Amino acid sequence: MQIDIFVVVLVVIVAALLFSAVKVLREYERGVVFMLGRFYRVKGPGLILLIPIVQQMVRVDLRVKVLDVPSQDLITRDNVSVKVNAVLYFRVVDPQQAIINVQNYMEATGQKAQTTLRSVLGQHELDELLAERDRLNANIQKILDAATDVWGIKVANVEIKHVDLNENMVRAIARQAEAERERRAKVIHADGEFQAATKLVEAAAQLGREPQSMLLRYLQTLTEVASEGHTTIVFPVPTNALDLLRGLTVEAAKPR
């Protein structure tokens, strides 16, 4: 009876050892194998055989991970207090470094992203945070990628999600935008007036060089006024127009 119990216990122990010795890794997984506490090699994917008790394995997922960076309170270069949050995309490219060089690469990357977000965005003004996100995203991604390279991490992308302002600052930005629109409208109106005045001066100079042109313009204006259907039209007659009419009459009366 004791022999049967011993055999059963032995079979259970051998089965447990065999079960612990056989590992199956998916295509996106790698196994960092340690032998007696020392790094041995990176294995996978597929069927992995380990020496029980002597070898241990740590699984590493190589897929792209999405990390939501919590809102960070920061002060911009123009002394505006804002809250900024972002999303981080990264993946493990070196499983050995990700396990050996850092205790928890997920937490370490998240903390590094928070400090980098505050440090980089604090060097820029509010207008840059609102209008130049692509450039700031690329700058943060470059800094994070360089900092996490020793951990075997590749930062693929960083996206600033929200820039939260207090209510007073929102109203101030709205007033600033309205003032900017008014300024542009005034500049455009003034530019139009300047161009119109320039053209009028050129037209007056042209008409001054050709008196007949002035008369024709005057007669055209009378025609336009008469076409509006008024019963009585009172208009001044320039003396130069009368002189031009007399001159034309005299020219027409001369014998050919």
C-alpha atoms as a PDB file:
ATOM      1  CA  MET A   1       0.000   0.000   0.000  1.00  0.00           C
ATOM      2  CA  GLN A   2       2.797   2.381   0.887  1.00  0.00           C
ATOM      3  CA  ILE A   3       4.538   1.478  -2.375  1.00  0.00           C
ATOM      4  CA  ASP A   4       1.400   2.396  -4.349  1.00  0.00           C
ATOM      5  CA  ILE A   5       1.170   5.782  -2.602  1.00  0.00           C
ATOM      6  CA  PHE A   6       4.856   6.395  -3.264  1.00  0.00           C
ATOM      7  CA  VAL A   7       4.407   5.536  -6.952  1.00  0.00           C
ATOM      8  CA  VAL A   8       1.402   7.850  -7.227  1.00  0.00           C
ATOM      9  CA  VAL A   9       3.292  10.718  -5.580  1.00  0.00           C
ATOM     10  CA  LEU A  10       6.278  10.067  -7.811  1.00  0.00           C
ATOM     11  CA  VAL A  11       4.107  10.064 -10.934  1.00  0.00           C
ATOM     12  CA  VAL A  12       2.455  13.319  -9.877  1.00  0.00           C
ATOM     13  CA  ILE A  13       5.827  14.936  -9.259  1.00  0.00           C
ATOM     14  CA  VAL A  14       7.213  13.769 -12.613  1.00  0.00           C
ATOM     15  CA  ALA A  15       4.059  14.955 -14.407  1.00  0.00           C
ATOM     16  CA  ALA A  16       4.301  18.361 -12.714  1.00  0.00           C
ATOM     17  CA  LEU A  17       7.960  18.669 -13.697  1.00  0.00           C
ATOM     18  CA  LEU A  18       7.209  17.705 -17.281  1.00  0.00           C
ATOM     19  CA  PHE A  19       4.326  20.144 -17.403  1.00  0.00           C
ATOM     20  CA  SER A  20       6.531  22.950 -16.123  1.00  0.00           C
ATOM     21  CA  ALA A  21       9.239  22.009 -18.615  1.00  0.00           C
ATOM     22  CA  VAL A  22       7.031  22.352 -21.688  1.00  0.00           C
ATOM     23  CA  LYS A  23       6.021  25.851 -22.793  1.00  0.00           C
ATOM     24  CA  VAL A  24       4.268  27.075 -25.915  1.00  0.00           C
ATOM     25  CA  LEU A  25       4.899  30.623 -27.056  1.00  0.00           C
ATOM     26  CA  ARG A  26       2.674  32.417 -29.558  1.00  0.00           C
ATOM     27  CA  GLU A  27       4.016  34.235 -32.603  1.00  0.00           C
ATOM     28  CA  TYR A  28       4.072  37.592 -30.782  1.00  0.00           C
ATOM     29  CA  GLU A  29       5.686  36.196 -27.626  1.00  0.00           C
ATOM     30  CA  ARG A  30       9.282  35.534 -26.636  1.00  0.00           C
ATOM     31  CA  GLY A  31      10.680  33.764 -23.612  1.00  0.00           C
ATOM     32  CA  VAL A  32      13.666  35.112 -21.681  1.00  0.00           C
ATOM     33  CA  VAL A  33      15.253  31.972 -20.196  1.00  0.00           C
ATOM     34  CA  PHE A  34      17.420  32.046 -17.064  1.00  0.00           C
ATOM     35  CA  MET A  35      19.605  29.117 -15.959  1.00  0.00           C
ATOM     36  CA  LEU A  36      20.324  29.064 -12.235  1.00  0.00           C
ATOM     37  CA  GLY A  37      19.562  32.783 -12.109  1.00  0.00           C
ATOM     38  CA  ARG A  38      21.828  33.770 -14.990  1.00  0.00           C
ATOM     39  CA  PHE A  39      20.589  34.845 -18.397  1.00  0.00           C
ATOM     40  CA  TYR A  40      20.710  31.952 -20.840  1.00  0.00           C
ATOM     41  CA  ARG A  41      18.964  32.942 -24.079  1.00  0.00           C
ATOM     42  CA  VAL A  42      15.786  34.287 -25.664  1.00  0.00           C
ATOM     43  CA  LYS A  43      13.555  31.569 -27.098  1.00  0.00           C
ATOM     44  CA  GLY A  44      10.387  31.377 -29.146  1.00  0.00           C
ATOM     45  CA  PRO A  45       7.975  31.331 -30.709  1.00  0.00           C
ATOM     46  CA  GLY A  46       6.709  27.748 -30.718  1.00  0.00           C
ATOM     47  CA  LEU A  47       7.396  24.807 -28.394  1.00  0.00           C
ATOM     48  CA  ILE A  48       9.970  25.512 -25.681  1.00  0.00           C
ATOM     49  CA  LEU A  49      11.565  22.824 -23.475  1.00  0.00           C
ATOM     50  CA  LEU A  50      13.023  23.868 -20.132  1.00  0.00           C
ATOM     51  CA  ILE A  51      15.059  21.942 -17.614  1.00  0.00           C
ATOM     52  CA  PRO A  52      12.866  21.769 -14.512  1.00  0.00           C
ATOM     53  CA  ILE A  53      14.109  23.692 -11.457  1.00  0.00           C
ATOM     54  CA  VAL A  54      17.327  24.636 -13.271  1.00  0.00           C
ATOM     55  CA  GLN A  55      15.745  26.910 -15.888  1.00  0.00           C
ATOM     56  CA  GLN A  56      13.028  29.542 -15.547  1.00  0.00           C
ATOM     57  CA  MET A  57      11.348  31.568 -18.268  1.00  0.00           C
ATOM     58  CA  VAL A  58       9.746  35.036 -18.381  1.00  0.00           C
ATOM     59  CA  ARG A  59       7.232  35.749 -21.152  1.00  0.00           C
ATOM     60  CA  VAL A  60       7.512  39.014 -23.091  1.00  0.00           C
ATOM     61  CA  ASP A  61       4.790  40.362 -25.387  1.00  0.00           C
ATOM     62  CA  LEU A  62       6.188  42.015 -28.552  1.00  0.00           C
ATOM     63  CA  ARG A  63       2.928  43.615 -29.708  1.00  0.00           C
ATOM     64  CA  VAL A  64       2.455  47.391 -29.770  1.00  0.00           C
ATOM     65  CA  LYS A  65       1.143  48.594 -26.420  1.00  0.00           C
ATOM     66  CA  VAL A  66      -1.047  51.650 -25.856  1.00  0.00           C
ATOM     67  CA  LEU A  67      -0.378  53.626 -22.702  1.00  0.00           C
ATOM     68  CA  ASP A  68      -2.655  56.465 -21.618  1.00  0.00           C
ATOM     69  CA  VAL A  69      -0.544  59.175 -19.985  1.00  0.00           C
ATOM     70  CA  PRO A  70      -2.598  60.831 -17.188  1.00  0.00           C
ATOM     71  CA  SER A  71      -3.246  64.591 -17.234  1.00  0.00           C
ATOM     72  CA  GLN A  72      -0.172  66.544 -16.230  1.00  0.00           C
ATOM     73  CA  ASP A  73      -0.279  69.994 -14.627  1.00  0.00           C
ATOM     74  CA  LEU A  74       2.314  72.248 -16.211  1.00  0.00           C
ATOM     75  CA  ILE A  75       3.109  75.916 -16.707  1.00  0.00           C
ATOM     76  CA  THR A  76       3.962  77.044 -20.215  1.00  0.00           C
ATOM     77  CA  ARG A  77       6.769  79.424 -21.070  1.00  0.00           C
ATOM     78  CA  ASP A  78       4.309  82.347 -21.098  1.00  0.00           C
ATOM     79  CA  ASN A  79       3.163  81.442 -17.542  1.00  0.00           C
ATOM     80  CA  VAL A  80      -0.165  79.801 -18.417  1.00  0.00           C
ATOM     81  CA  SER A  81      -1.306  76.911 -16.221  1.00  0.00           C
ATOM     82  CA  VAL A  82      -2.736  74.022 -18.281  1.00  0.00           C
ATOM     83  CA  LYS A  83      -3.470  70.321 -17.999  1.00  0.00           C
ATOM     84  CA  VAL A  84      -2.220  68.075 -20.798  1.00  0.00           C
ATOM     85  CA  ASN A  85      -2.686  64.364 -21.345  1.00  0.00           C
ATOM     86  CA  ALA A  86      -1.378  62.136 -24.119  1.00  0.00           C
ATOM     87  CA  VAL A  87      -1.360  58.606 -25.462  1.00  0.00           C
ATOM     88  CA  LEU A  88       1.823  56.607 -26.033  1.00  0.00           C
ATOM     89  CA  TYR A  89       2.399  53.752 -28.509  1.00  0.00           C
ATOM     90  CA  PHE A  90       5.442  51.539 -27.928  1.00  0.00           C
ATOM     91  CA  ARG A  91       6.660  47.945 -28.189  1.00  0.00           C
ATOM     92  CA  VAL A  92       9.462  45.733 -26.933  1.00  0.00           C
ATOM     93  CA  VAL A  93      12.213  45.172 -29.497  1.00  0.00           C
ATOM     94  CA  ASP A  94      14.778  43.543 -27.190  1.00  0.00           C
ATOM     95  CA  PRO A  95      13.203  41.135 -24.651  1.00  0.00           C
ATOM     96  CA  GLN A  96      16.503  40.599 -22.855  1.00  0.00           C
ATOM     97  CA  GLN A  97      16.977  44.283 -22.047  1.00  0.00           C
ATOM     98  CA  ALA A  98      13.290  44.752 -21.210  1.00  0.00           C
ATOM     99  CA  ILE A  99      13.520  42.090 -18.488  1.00  0.00           C
ATOM    100  CA  ILE A 100      17.074  42.552 -17.203  1.00  0.00           C
ATOM    101  CA  ASN A 101      17.659  46.318 -17.395  1.00  0.00           C
ATOM    102  CA  VAL A 102      14.410  47.485 -15.782  1.00  0.00           C
ATOM    103  CA  GLN A 103      12.147  45.974 -13.146  1.00  0.00           C
ATOM    104  CA  ASN A 104       8.831  46.849 -14.836  1.00  0.00           C
ATOM    105  CA  TYR A 105       9.199  48.315 -18.302  1.00  0.00           C
ATOM    106  CA  MET A 106       5.501  49.260 -18.533  1.00  0.00           C
ATOM    107  CA  GLU A 107       5.567  51.352 -15.384  1.00  0.00           C
ATOM    108  CA  ALA A 108       8.995  52.790 -16.169  1.00  0.00           C
ATOM    109  CA  THR A 109       7.929  53.865 -19.652  1.00  0.00           C
ATOM    110  CA  GLY A 110       4.745  55.457 -18.301  1.00  0.00           C
ATOM    111  CA  GLN A 111       6.609  57.433 -15.630  1.00  0.00           C
ATOM    112  CA  LYS A 112       9.216  58.547 -18.171  1.00  0.00           C
ATOM    113  CA  ALA A 113       6.441  59.688 -20.511  1.00  0.00           C
ATOM    114  CA  GLN A 114       4.872  61.826 -17.774  1.00  0.00           C
ATOM    115  CA  THR A 115       8.100  63.609 -16.850  1.00  0.00           C
ATOM    116  CA  THR A 116       9.054  64.126 -20.499  1.00  0.00           C
ATOM    117  CA  LEU A 117       5.605  65.541 -21.280  1.00  0.00           C
ATOM    118  CA  ARG A 118       5.924  68.140 -18.516  1.00  0.00           C
ATOM    119  CA  SER A 119       9.517  68.976 -19.377  1.00  0.00           C
ATOM    120  CA  VAL A 120       9.054  69.426 -23.125  1.00  0.00           C
ATOM    121  CA  LEU A 121       5.712  71.224 -23.151  1.00  0.00           C
ATOM    122  CA  GLY A 122       6.807  73.563 -20.358  1.00  0.00           C
ATOM    123  CA  GLN A 123       9.405  75.006 -22.735  1.00  0.00           C
ATOM    124  CA  HIS A 124       6.772  76.214 -25.220  1.00  0.00           C
ATOM    125  CA  GLU A 125       4.100  78.889 -25.222  1.00  0.00           C
ATOM    126  CA  LEU A 126       0.379  78.187 -25.153  1.00  0.00           C
ATOM    127  CA  ASP A 127      -0.107  79.112 -28.812  1.00  0.00           C
ATOM    128  CA  GLU A 128       2.459  76.464 -29.802  1.00  0.00           C
ATOM    129  CA  LEU A 129       0.657  73.802 -27.702  1.00  0.00           C
ATOM    130  CA  LEU A 130      -2.582  74.558 -29.524  1.00  0.00           C
ATOM    131  CA  ALA A 131      -1.278  75.062 -33.069  1.00  0.00           C
ATOM    132  CA  GLU A 132       1.880  72.939 -33.406  1.00  0.00           C
ATOM    133  CA  ARG A 133       0.943  69.566 -31.931  1.00  0.00           C
ATOM    134  CA  ASP A 134       2.548  67.552 -34.712  1.00  0.00           C
ATOM    135  CA  ARG A 135       5.945  69.112 -34.089  1.00  0.00           C
ATOM    136  CA  LEU A 136       5.621  68.696 -30.309  1.00  0.00           C
ATOM    137  CA  ASN A 137       4.504  65.065 -30.709  1.00  0.00           C
ATOM    138  CA  ALA A 138       7.560  64.321 -32.822  1.00  0.00           C
ATOM    139  CA  ASN A 139       9.841  66.042 -30.308  1.00  0.00           C
ATOM    140  CA  ILE A 140       8.444  64.081 -27.344  1.00  0.00           C
ATOM    141  CA  GLN A 141       8.597  60.808 -29.308  1.00  0.00           C
ATOM    142  CA  LYS A 142      12.251  61.390 -30.174  1.00  0.00           C
ATOM    143  CA  ILE A 143      13.231  62.113 -26.562  1.00  0.00           C
ATOM    144  CA  LEU A 144      11.296  59.133 -25.181  1.00  0.00           C
ATOM    145  CA  ASP A 145      12.681  56.773 -27.803  1.00  0.00           C
ATOM    146  CA  ALA A 146      16.236  57.739 -26.912  1.00  0.00           C
ATOM    147  CA  ALA A 147      15.580  57.423 -23.159  1.00  0.00           C
ATOM    148  CA  THR A 148      13.925  53.979 -23.359  1.00  0.00           C
ATOM    149  CA  ASP A 149      16.364  52.489 -25.857  1.00  0.00           C
ATOM    150  CA  VAL A 150      18.451  51.016 -23.015  1.00  0.00           C
ATOM    151  CA  TRP A 151      15.326  49.156 -21.848  1.00  0.00           C
ATOM    152  CA  GLY A 152      14.802  47.557 -25.267  1.00  0.00           C
ATOM    153  CA  ILE A 153      11.738  49.733 -25.907  1.00  0.00           C
ATOM    154  CA  LYS A 154      10.836  51.381 -29.214  1.00  0.00           C
ATOM    155  CA  VAL A 155       8.473  54.352 -28.892  1.00  0.00           C
ATOM    156  CA  ALA A 156       6.498  54.394 -32.140  1.00  0.00           C
ATOM    157  CA  ASN A 157       4.289  57.431 -31.609  1.00  0.00           C
ATOM    158  CA  VAL A 158       3.142  60.015 -29.074  1.00  0.00           C
ATOM    159  CA  GLU A 159      -0.120  61.937 -29.452  1.00  0.00           C
ATOM    160  CA  ILE A 160      -1.207  64.880 -27.308  1.00  0.00           C
ATOM    161  CA  LYS A 161      -4.917  64.294 -26.683  1.00  0.00           C
ATOM    162  CA  HIS A 162      -6.249  67.272 -24.732  1.00  0.00           C
ATOM    163  CA  VAL A 163      -5.014  70.661 -23.572  1.00  0.00           C
ATOM    164  CA  ASP A 164      -7.388  71.755 -20.801  1.00  0.00           C
ATOM    165  CA  LEU A 165      -7.574  75.458 -19.882  1.00  0.00           C
ATOM    166  CA  ASN A 166      -9.454  77.175 -17.085  1.00  0.00           C
ATOM    167  CA  GLU A 167     -12.535  79.210 -17.911  1.00  0.00           C
ATOM    168  CA  ASN A 168     -10.831  82.594 -17.584  1.00  0.00           C
ATOM    169  CA  MET A 169      -8.137  81.592 -20.056  1.00  0.00           C
ATOM    170  CA  VAL A 170     -10.745  80.303 -22.532  1.00  0.00           C
ATOM    171  CA  ARG A 171     -12.523  83.665 -22.427  1.00  0.00           C
ATOM    172  CA  ALA A 172      -9.218  85.504 -22.852  1.00  0.00           C
ATOM    173  CA  ILE A 173      -8.338  83.399 -25.908  1.00  0.00           C
ATOM    174  CA  ALA A 174     -11.801  84.075 -27.376  1.00  0.00           C
ATOM    175  CA  ARG A 175     -11.303  87.835 -26.910  1.00  0.00           C
ATOM    176  CA  GLN A 176      -7.855  87.595 -28.461  1.00  0.00           C
ATOM    177  CA  ALA A 177      -9.214  85.713 -31.471  1.00  0.00           C
ATOM    178  CA  GLU A 178     -12.011  88.281 -31.918  1.00  0.00           C
ATOM    179  CA  ALA A 179      -9.517  91.147 -31.730  1.00  0.00           C
ATOM    180  CA  GLU A 180      -7.311  89.409 -34.285  1.00  0.00           C
ATOM    181  CA  ARG A 181     -10.266  88.998 -36.661  1.00  0.00           C
ATOM    182  CA  GLU A 182     -11.165  92.669 -36.287  1.00  0.00           C
ATOM    183  CA  ARG A 183      -7.562  93.669 -36.955  1.00  0.00           C
ATOM    184  CA  ARG A 184      -7.428  91.587 -40.122  1.00  0.00           C
ATOM    185  CA  ALA A 185     -10.759  93.022 -41.305  1.00  0.00           C
ATOM    186  CA  LYS A 186      -9.496  96.565 -40.815  1.00  0.00           C
ATOM    187  CA  VAL A 187      -6.238  95.794 -42.600  1.00  0.00           C
ATOM    188  CA  ILE A 188      -8.098  94.254 -45.541  1.00  0.00           C
ATOM    189  CA  HIS A 189     -10.501  97.235 -45.690  1.00  0.00           C
ATOM    190  CA  ALA A 190      -7.632  99.728 -45.548  1.00  0.00           C
ATOM    191  CA  ASP A 191      -5.752  97.830 -48.244  1.00  0.00           C
ATOM    192  CA  GLY A 192      -8.848  97.890 -50.445  1.00  0.00           C
ATOM    193  CA  GLU A 193      -9.270 101.630 -49.924  1.00  0.00           C
ATOM    194  CA  PHE A 194      -5.618 102.184 -50.788  1.00  0.00           C
ATOM    195  CA  GLN A 195      -5.866 100.153 -53.985  1.00  0.00           C
ATOM    196  CA  ALA A 196      -9.090 101.926 -54.976  1.00  0.00           C
ATOM    197  CA  ALA A 197      -7.549 105.338 -54.366  1.00  0.00           C
ATOM    198  CA  THR A 198      -4.499 104.369 -56.407  1.00  0.00           C
ATOM    199  CA  LYS A 199      -6.674 103.292 -59.320  1.00  0.00           C
ATOM    200  CA  LEU A 200      -8.740 106.503 -59.093  1.00  0.00           C
ATOM    201  CA  VAL A 201      -5.587 108.591 -59.239  1.00  0.00           C
ATOM    202  CA  GLU A 202      -4.430 106.654 -62.288  1.00  0.00           C
ATOM    203  CA  ALA A 203      -7.855 107.070 -63.934  1.00  0.00           C
ATOM    204  CA  ALA A 204      -7.922 110.799 -63.198  1.00  0.00           C
ATOM    205  CA  ALA A 205      -4.462 111.209 -64.681  1.00  0.00           C
ATOM    206  CA  GLN A 206      -5.521 109.304 -67.783  1.00  0.00           C
ATOM    207  CA  LEU A 207      -8.696 111.374 -68.195  1.00  0.00           C
ATOM    208  CA  GLY A 208      -6.700 114.567 -67.661  1.00  0.00           C
ATOM    209  CA  ARG A 209      -4.438 113.717 -70.561  1.00  0.00           C
ATOM    210  CA  GLU A 210      -7.424 113.087 -72.873  1.00  0.00           C
ATOM    211  CA  PRO A 211     -10.207 115.756 -72.483  1.00  0.00           C
ATOM    212  CA  GLN A 212     -12.470 113.886 -74.903  1.00  0.00           C
ATOM    213  CA  SER A 213     -12.335 110.901 -72.574  1.00  0.00           C
ATOM    214  CA  MET A 214     -13.616 113.087 -69.741  1.00  0.00           C
ATOM    215  CA  LEU A 215     -16.563 114.201 -71.864  1.00  0.00           C
ATOM    216  CA  LEU A 216     -17.406 110.645 -72.863  1.00  0.00           C
ATOM    217  CA  ARG A 217     -17.271 109.569 -69.237  1.00  0.00           C
ATOM    218  CA  TYR A 218     -19.566 112.406 -68.266  1.00  0.00           C
ATOM    219  CA  LEU A 219     -22.085 111.509 -70.971  1.00  0.00           C
ATOM    220  CA  GLN A 220     -21.963 107.853 -69.908  1.00  0.00           C
ATOM    221  CA  THR A 221     -22.772 108.867 -66.339  1.00  0.00           C
ATOM    222  CA  LEU A 222     -25.762 110.895 -67.558  1.00  0.00           C
ATOM    223  CA  THR A 223     -26.998 107.887 -69.516  1.00  0.00           C
ATOM    224  CA  GLU A 224     -26.768 105.664 -66.453  1.00  0.00           C
ATOM    225  CA  VAL A 225     -28.654 108.177 -64.297  1.00  0.00           C
ATOM    226  CA  ALA A 226     -31.352 108.655 -66.913  1.00  0.00           C
ATOM    227  CA  SER A 227     -31.932 104.908 -67.163  1.00  0.00           C
ATOM    228  CA  GLU A 228     -33.021 104.748 -63.523  1.00  0.00           C
ATOM    229  CA  GLY A 229     -36.436 106.254 -64.379  1.00  0.00           C
ATOM    230  CA  HIS A 230     -36.299 109.605 -62.557  1.00  0.00           C
ATOM    231  CA  THR A 231     -38.775 112.233 -63.846  1.00  0.00           C
ATOM    232  CA  THR A 232     -36.543 115.198 -63.078  1.00  0.00           C
ATOM    233  CA  ILE A 233     -32.758 115.196 -63.115  1.00  0.00           C
ATOM    234  CA  VAL A 234     -30.738 118.188 -61.967  1.00  0.00           C
ATOM    235  CA  PHE A 235     -27.041 118.015 -62.673  1.00  0.00           C
ATOM    236  CA  PRO A 236     -24.201 120.523 -62.973  1.00  0.00           C
ATOM    237  CA  VAL A 237     -22.560 121.011 -66.298  1.00  0.00           C
ATOM    238  CA  PRO A 238     -18.793 121.459 -66.100  1.00  0.00           C
ATOM    239  CA  THR A 239     -17.461 124.429 -68.061  1.00  0.00           C
ATOM    240  CA  ASN A 240     -14.827 122.296 -69.703  1.00  0.00           C
ATOM    241  CA  ALA A 241     -17.574 120.049 -71.042  1.00  0.00           C
ATOM    242  CA  LEU A 242     -19.269 123.038 -72.687  1.00  0.00           C
ATOM    243  CA  ASP A 243     -15.962 124.157 -74.132  1.00  0.00           C
ATOM    244  CA  LEU A 244     -15.409 120.694 -75.542  1.00  0.00           C
ATOM    245  CA  LEU A 245     -18.881 120.705 -77.096  1.00  0.00           C
ATOM    246  CA  ARG A 246     -18.236 124.097 -78.713  1.00  0.00           C
ATOM    247  CA  GLY A 247     -14.935 122.865 -80.036  1.00  0.00           C
ATOM    248  CA  LEU A 248     -16.527 119.809 -81.527  1.00  0.00           C
ATOM    249  CA  THR A 249     -19.305 121.947 -83.097  1.00  0.00           C
ATOM    250  CA  VAL A 250     -16.790 124.294 -84.674  1.00  0.00           C
ATOM    251  CA  GLU A 251     -14.789 121.396 -86.021  1.00  0.00           C
ATOM    252  CA  ALA A 252     -17.911 119.902 -87.519  1.00  0.00           C
ATOM    253  CA  ALA A 253     -18.949 123.211 -89.166  1.00  0.00           C
ATOM    254  CA  LYS A 254     -15.657 123.723 -90.995  1.00  0.00           C
ATOM    255  CA  PRO A 255     -15.816 123.004 -94.716  1.00  0.00           C
ATOM    256  CA  ARG A 256     -14.145 119.805 -95.767  1.00  0.00           C
END
